């Protein structure tokens, strides 16, 4: 149907509302991925909205949306539907850049080691960054992405695995350089096949977390909350009370009320037993 009604230069997209339990036609993961990838080449994208409880196939639906140059959202309330289909419609339904890839190189004189928090299912091999045949994420109009890294500074690597220094590696970057990292970004135009490269450097400007923006501090609270829910080995001495305090102080202008909803989620999680949370990770 989408191909029959294809609009050249338009936003050609299938919006699939489902619980992800496919039992008619192509139903295996491999068949579905091949079908969606073939239509993606025809510039027909896929957005998946998850509905239902109990038998919902959350991870499968997210995977299929990724393969279809689209996005996935789970709709469990009227407010969430309004968020996805009204407030963030441009960001979720109108692609302005496809196959977007980010690559960060840290200055070794400033950062001894690092860890990307989350995005385990989005990681690519470093060799794939310049490979335009490799599928990646897509960005919609007004869409923003936050990636948080945990950094270990030189001399503060207690508890990290010890490795011998590389014999033949030398670094041209000196400690006198103000640069903390270099960020490379590749993306394709919505109807293009060749990526474009953008490169930025970020200087090492230390500041207390209280000086960070409300958005960054709130994102940090969400990440900390996620590590507590997963009982991550990296959670350290984090607590739900600490998460609540950080989130509450960074609510900002919460016009839609989503950040206040997050505070409610923290209380709900805190009221659950540790065993219940761990069993549903």
Protein backbone atom coordinates (compact mmCIF):
# COMPACT_ATOMS: atom_id res chain seq x y z
CA UNK A 1 0.00 0.00 0.00
CA UNK A 2 2.82 2.40 0.84
CA UNK A 3 4.55 1.65 -2.45
CA UNK A 4 1.35 2.10 -4.44
CA UNK A 5 0.85 5.51 -2.85
CA UNK A 6 4.52 6.52 -2.86
CA UNK A 7 5.17 10.28 -2.97
CA UNK A 8 8.53 11.23 -4.43
CA UNK A 9 10.32 13.43 -1.90
CA UNK A 10 7.58 12.84 0.66
CA UNK A 11 7.49 11.17 4.04
CA UNK A 12 6.70 7.61 2.99
CA UNK A 13 6.24 5.65 6.17
CA UNK A 14 4.28 2.73 7.58
CA UNK A 15 3.08 3.18 11.17
CA UNK A 16 2.58 -0.23 12.75
CA UNK A 17 0.61 -0.46 16.01
CA UNK A 18 1.06 -3.92 17.53
CA UNK A 19 2.08 -6.01 20.51
CA UNK A 20 4.83 -7.54 18.35
CA UNK A 21 3.43 -11.07 18.44
CA UNK A 22 3.38 -11.66 14.68
CA UNK A 23 1.54 -14.83 13.65
CA UNK A 24 0.33 -14.11 10.09
CA UNK A 25 2.55 -14.06 7.00
CA UNK A 26 6.27 -13.47 7.57
CA UNK A 27 6.67 -14.06 11.29
CA UNK A 28 10.25 -15.16 11.97
CA UNK A 29 12.79 -12.51 12.92
CA UNK A 30 14.87 -13.19 9.81
CA UNK A 31 11.93 -12.94 7.41
CA UNK A 32 10.66 -9.75 8.99
CA UNK A 33 14.08 -8.10 8.95
CA UNK A 34 14.61 -8.97 5.27
CA UNK A 35 11.17 -7.64 4.32
CA UNK A 36 11.67 -4.36 6.18
CA UNK A 37 15.22 -3.85 4.91
CA UNK A 38 14.08 -4.38 1.31
CA UNK A 39 11.36 -1.73 1.70
CA UNK A 40 13.85 0.62 3.35
CA UNK A 41 15.83 0.55 0.11
CA UNK A 42 12.64 1.71 -1.63
CA UNK A 43 12.63 4.73 0.76
CA UNK A 44 9.66 3.40 2.72
CA UNK A 45 10.38 3.71 6.43
CA UNK A 46 8.77 2.00 9.41
CA UNK A 47 7.62 3.34 12.77
CA UNK A 48 6.43 0.83 15.38
CA UNK A 49 4.11 1.68 18.26
CA UNK A 50 3.86 -0.97 20.95
CA UNK A 51 0.56 -1.64 22.70
CA UNK A 52 -0.64 -4.19 25.22
CA UNK A 53 0.73 -6.03 28.23
CA UNK A 54 1.75 -9.56 29.06
CA UNK A 55 2.80 -10.91 25.67
CA UNK A 56 4.38 -7.75 24.29
CA UNK A 57 7.58 -8.35 22.27
CA UNK A 58 9.39 -5.16 23.15
CA UNK A 59 12.90 -5.97 21.92
CA UNK A 60 11.63 -7.41 18.63
CA UNK A 61 9.62 -4.29 17.82
CA UNK A 62 12.57 -2.02 18.56
CA UNK A 63 14.78 -4.12 16.28
CA UNK A 64 12.28 -3.98 13.42
CA UNK A 65 11.92 -0.20 13.73
CA UNK A 66 15.72 0.12 13.60
CA UNK A 67 15.83 -1.99 10.43
CA UNK A 68 13.14 0.22 8.90
CA UNK A 69 14.96 3.53 9.47
CA UNK A 70 12.28 4.42 11.98
CA UNK A 71 11.75 4.45 15.70
CA UNK A 72 9.90 2.54 18.37
CA UNK A 73 7.76 3.77 21.23
CA UNK A 74 5.69 1.90 23.78
CA UNK A 75 2.32 3.58 24.31
CA UNK A 76 0.77 2.74 27.67
CA UNK A 77 -1.34 5.84 28.30
CA UNK A 78 -3.08 8.74 26.60
CA UNK A 79 -0.30 11.09 27.72
CA UNK A 80 2.34 8.86 26.11
CA UNK A 81 0.31 8.74 22.88
CA UNK A 82 0.12 12.54 22.92
CA UNK A 83 3.89 12.73 23.49
CA UNK A 84 4.73 10.42 20.58
CA UNK A 85 2.10 11.51 18.04
CA UNK A 86 1.67 15.19 18.88
CA UNK A 87 4.45 16.80 20.93
CA UNK A 88 7.31 14.88 19.29
CA UNK A 89 5.73 14.06 15.95
CA UNK A 90 8.43 15.81 13.93
CA UNK A 91 11.19 14.06 15.83
CA UNK A 92 9.59 10.64 15.52
CA UNK A 93 7.89 10.66 12.13
CA UNK A 94 9.94 12.96 9.86
CA UNK A 95 13.51 11.86 9.16
CA UNK A 96 16.05 14.58 8.37
CA UNK A 97 19.20 12.43 8.63
CA UNK A 98 19.62 8.69 8.30
CA UNK A 99 22.39 6.25 9.23
CA UNK A 100 23.74 8.68 11.81
CA UNK A 101 26.93 7.48 13.51
CA UNK A 102 28.94 9.02 16.31
CA UNK A 103 32.57 8.25 17.09
CA UNK A 104 34.47 9.73 20.03
CA UNK A 105 38.22 9.73 20.56
CA UNK A 106 39.38 10.75 24.03
CA UNK A 107 42.70 12.48 24.66
CA UNK A 108 44.68 9.79 26.55
CA UNK A 109 46.45 12.41 28.65
CA UNK A 110 43.05 13.52 29.99
CA UNK A 111 41.11 10.23 30.13
CA UNK A 112 42.61 6.91 31.23
CA UNK A 113 39.51 4.82 30.46
CA UNK A 114 35.83 5.30 29.73
CA UNK A 115 32.51 3.48 29.57
CA UNK A 116 29.45 4.31 27.47
CA UNK A 117 26.35 4.05 29.67
CA UNK A 118 23.60 2.19 27.84
CA UNK A 119 23.22 1.85 24.06
CA UNK A 120 24.50 -1.73 24.17
CA UNK A 121 22.34 -2.60 21.16
CA UNK A 122 23.59 0.42 19.21
CA UNK A 123 27.32 -0.20 19.35
CA UNK A 124 29.22 -0.56 16.08
CA UNK A 125 32.73 -1.74 15.37
CA UNK A 126 35.12 1.15 14.81
CA UNK A 127 35.66 -0.13 11.27
CA UNK A 128 31.95 0.40 10.52
CA UNK A 129 32.10 4.15 11.07
CA UNK A 130 33.35 4.83 7.52
CA UNK A 131 31.31 2.02 5.97
CA UNK A 132 28.29 3.58 4.26
CA UNK A 133 26.77 0.12 3.74
CA UNK A 134 26.36 -0.28 7.50
CA UNK A 135 22.92 0.65 8.79
CA UNK A 136 22.71 3.00 11.76
CA UNK A 137 20.22 5.21 13.60
CA UNK A 138 18.08 7.99 12.20
CA UNK A 139 17.34 11.50 13.43
CA UNK A 140 14.04 13.34 13.05
CA UNK A 141 13.30 17.05 13.01
CA UNK A 142 13.87 18.47 16.48
CA UNK A 143 15.21 15.14 17.72
CA UNK A 144 18.10 15.13 20.19
CA UNK A 145 20.23 12.28 21.49
CA UNK A 146 22.09 12.19 24.81
CA UNK A 147 25.03 9.82 25.32
CA UNK A 148 26.59 9.64 28.77
CA UNK A 149 30.12 8.40 29.44
CA UNK A 150 31.71 7.43 32.72
CA UNK A 151 35.32 8.62 32.70
CA UNK A 152 38.34 7.55 34.72
CA UNK A 153 41.03 10.20 34.92
CA UNK A 154 44.75 9.32 34.76
CA UNK A 155 45.99 8.33 38.20
CA UNK A 156 42.46 7.49 39.34
CA UNK A 157 42.24 4.02 37.84
CA UNK A 158 42.09 2.00 41.05
CA UNK A 159 39.97 -1.08 40.56
CA UNK A 160 40.30 -1.12 36.78
CA UNK A 161 41.96 -4.03 35.00
CA UNK A 162 45.72 -3.67 34.64
CA UNK A 163 47.28 -4.04 31.19
CA UNK A 164 50.85 -3.68 29.98
CA UNK A 165 51.60 -0.47 28.04
CA UNK A 166 51.68 -0.86 24.27
CA UNK A 167 55.28 -1.10 23.05
CA UNK A 168 54.90 0.58 19.65
CA UNK A 169 52.15 3.10 20.34
CA UNK A 170 53.09 6.73 20.74
CA UNK A 171 50.81 9.68 21.22
CA UNK A 172 51.23 13.02 19.53
CA UNK A 173 48.78 14.69 21.89
CA UNK A 174 50.53 16.29 24.86
CA UNK A 175 49.18 17.11 28.27
CA UNK A 176 49.40 20.77 27.30
CA UNK A 177 46.57 20.33 24.80
CA UNK A 178 43.26 21.74 26.06
CA UNK A 179 41.28 19.15 24.08
CA UNK A 180 39.36 16.49 26.02
CA UNK A 181 37.97 14.67 23.02
CA UNK A 182 37.24 14.74 19.30
CA UNK A 183 33.73 13.94 18.12
CA UNK A 184 33.13 12.69 14.59
CA UNK A 185 29.63 12.47 13.16
CA UNK A 186 28.55 10.82 9.91
CA UNK A 187 25.09 11.07 8.38
CA UNK A 188 23.25 10.71 5.09
CA UNK A 189 20.57 12.91 3.61
CA UNK A 190 17.14 11.19 3.84
CA UNK A 191 17.34 10.14 0.19
CA UNK A 192 21.12 9.96 -0.10
CA UNK A 193 23.49 7.00 -0.13
CA UNK A 194 26.80 8.74 0.62
CA UNK A 195 27.55 9.96 4.14
CA UNK A 196 28.87 13.36 5.13
CA UNK A 197 31.44 13.87 7.89
CA UNK A 198 31.40 16.51 10.64
CA UNK A 199 34.22 16.84 13.18
CA UNK A 200 34.22 18.77 16.45
CA UNK A 201 36.65 19.10 19.35
CA UNK A 202 35.65 19.58 22.99
CA UNK A 203 38.02 21.26 25.45
CA UNK A 204 38.64 20.04 28.98
CA UNK A 205 36.65 22.54 31.05
CA UNK A 206 36.07 21.09 34.52
CA UNK A 207 32.91 22.16 36.33
CA UNK A 208 30.82 20.88 39.21
CA UNK A 209 27.66 18.94 38.36
CA UNK A 210 25.61 21.77 39.88
CA UNK A 211 26.81 23.97 37.01
CA UNK A 212 25.45 21.61 34.37
CA UNK A 213 22.18 22.29 32.54
CA UNK A 214 18.87 20.94 33.83
CA UNK A 215 18.71 18.63 30.81
CA UNK A 216 22.12 17.06 31.49
CA UNK A 217 21.50 16.63 35.22
CA UNK A 218 18.09 15.10 34.59
CA UNK A 219 19.57 12.72 32.00
CA UNK A 220 22.17 11.72 34.59
CA UNK A 221 19.39 10.93 37.06
CA UNK A 222 17.64 8.75 34.47
CA UNK A 223 20.88 6.86 33.75
CA UNK A 224 21.51 6.32 37.46
CA UNK A 225 17.94 5.08 37.86
CA UNK A 226 18.46 2.61 35.02
CA UNK A 227 21.60 1.20 36.64
CA UNK A 228 19.72 0.71 39.91
CA UNK A 229 16.85 -1.08 38.14
CA UNK A 230 19.31 -3.41 36.41
CA UNK A 231 21.35 -3.83 39.57
CA UNK A 232 24.36 -2.87 37.45
CA UNK A 233 27.80 -3.69 38.83
CA UNK A 234 28.68 -0.07 37.99
CA UNK A 235 26.00 1.47 40.23
CA UNK A 236 28.47 2.02 43.05
CA UNK A 237 26.78 3.51 46.11
CA UNK A 238 23.88 5.03 44.14
CA UNK A 239 20.47 5.10 45.85
CA UNK A 240 16.91 5.88 44.82
CA UNK A 241 16.92 8.83 47.21
CA UNK A 242 19.97 10.22 45.45
CA UNK A 243 18.27 9.79 42.07
CA UNK A 244 15.14 11.54 43.32
CA UNK A 245 17.12 14.48 44.71
CA UNK A 246 19.08 14.96 41.47
CA UNK A 247 15.94 14.67 39.32
CA UNK A 248 13.90 16.98 41.54
CA UNK A 249 16.56 19.70 41.38
CA UNK A 250 16.69 19.53 37.58
CA UNK A 251 12.97 19.48 36.67
CA UNK A 252 13.23 22.82 34.88
CA UNK A 253 10.18 23.97 32.96
CA UNK A 254 8.36 20.66 32.83
CA UNK A 255 5.47 21.82 30.63
CA UNK A 256 4.29 18.34 29.65
CA UNK A 257 4.75 16.84 33.12
CA UNK A 258 6.98 14.00 31.92
CA UNK A 259 9.72 14.73 34.44
CA UNK A 260 7.25 14.72 37.31
CA UNK A 261 6.06 11.34 36.00
CA UNK A 262 9.66 10.16 36.37
CA UNK A 263 9.62 11.10 40.06
CA UNK A 264 6.55 8.87 40.43
CA UNK A 265 8.41 6.03 38.71
CA UNK A 266 11.25 6.36 41.23
CA UNK A 267 8.80 6.01 44.13
CA UNK A 268 7.13 3.00 42.47
CA UNK A 269 10.47 1.27 41.97
CA UNK A 270 11.55 2.02 45.52
CA UNK A 271 8.37 0.39 46.82
CA UNK A 272 9.08 -2.82 44.93
CA UNK A 273 11.23 -5.45 46.52
CA UNK A 274 14.77 -5.92 45.22
CA UNK A 275 13.90 -9.45 44.04
CA UNK A 276 10.92 -8.18 42.03
CA UNK A 277 13.00 -5.55 40.24
CA UNK A 278 15.83 -7.99 39.49
CA UNK A 279 13.40 -10.61 38.12
CA UNK A 280 11.99 -8.12 35.63
CA UNK A 281 15.20 -6.54 34.42
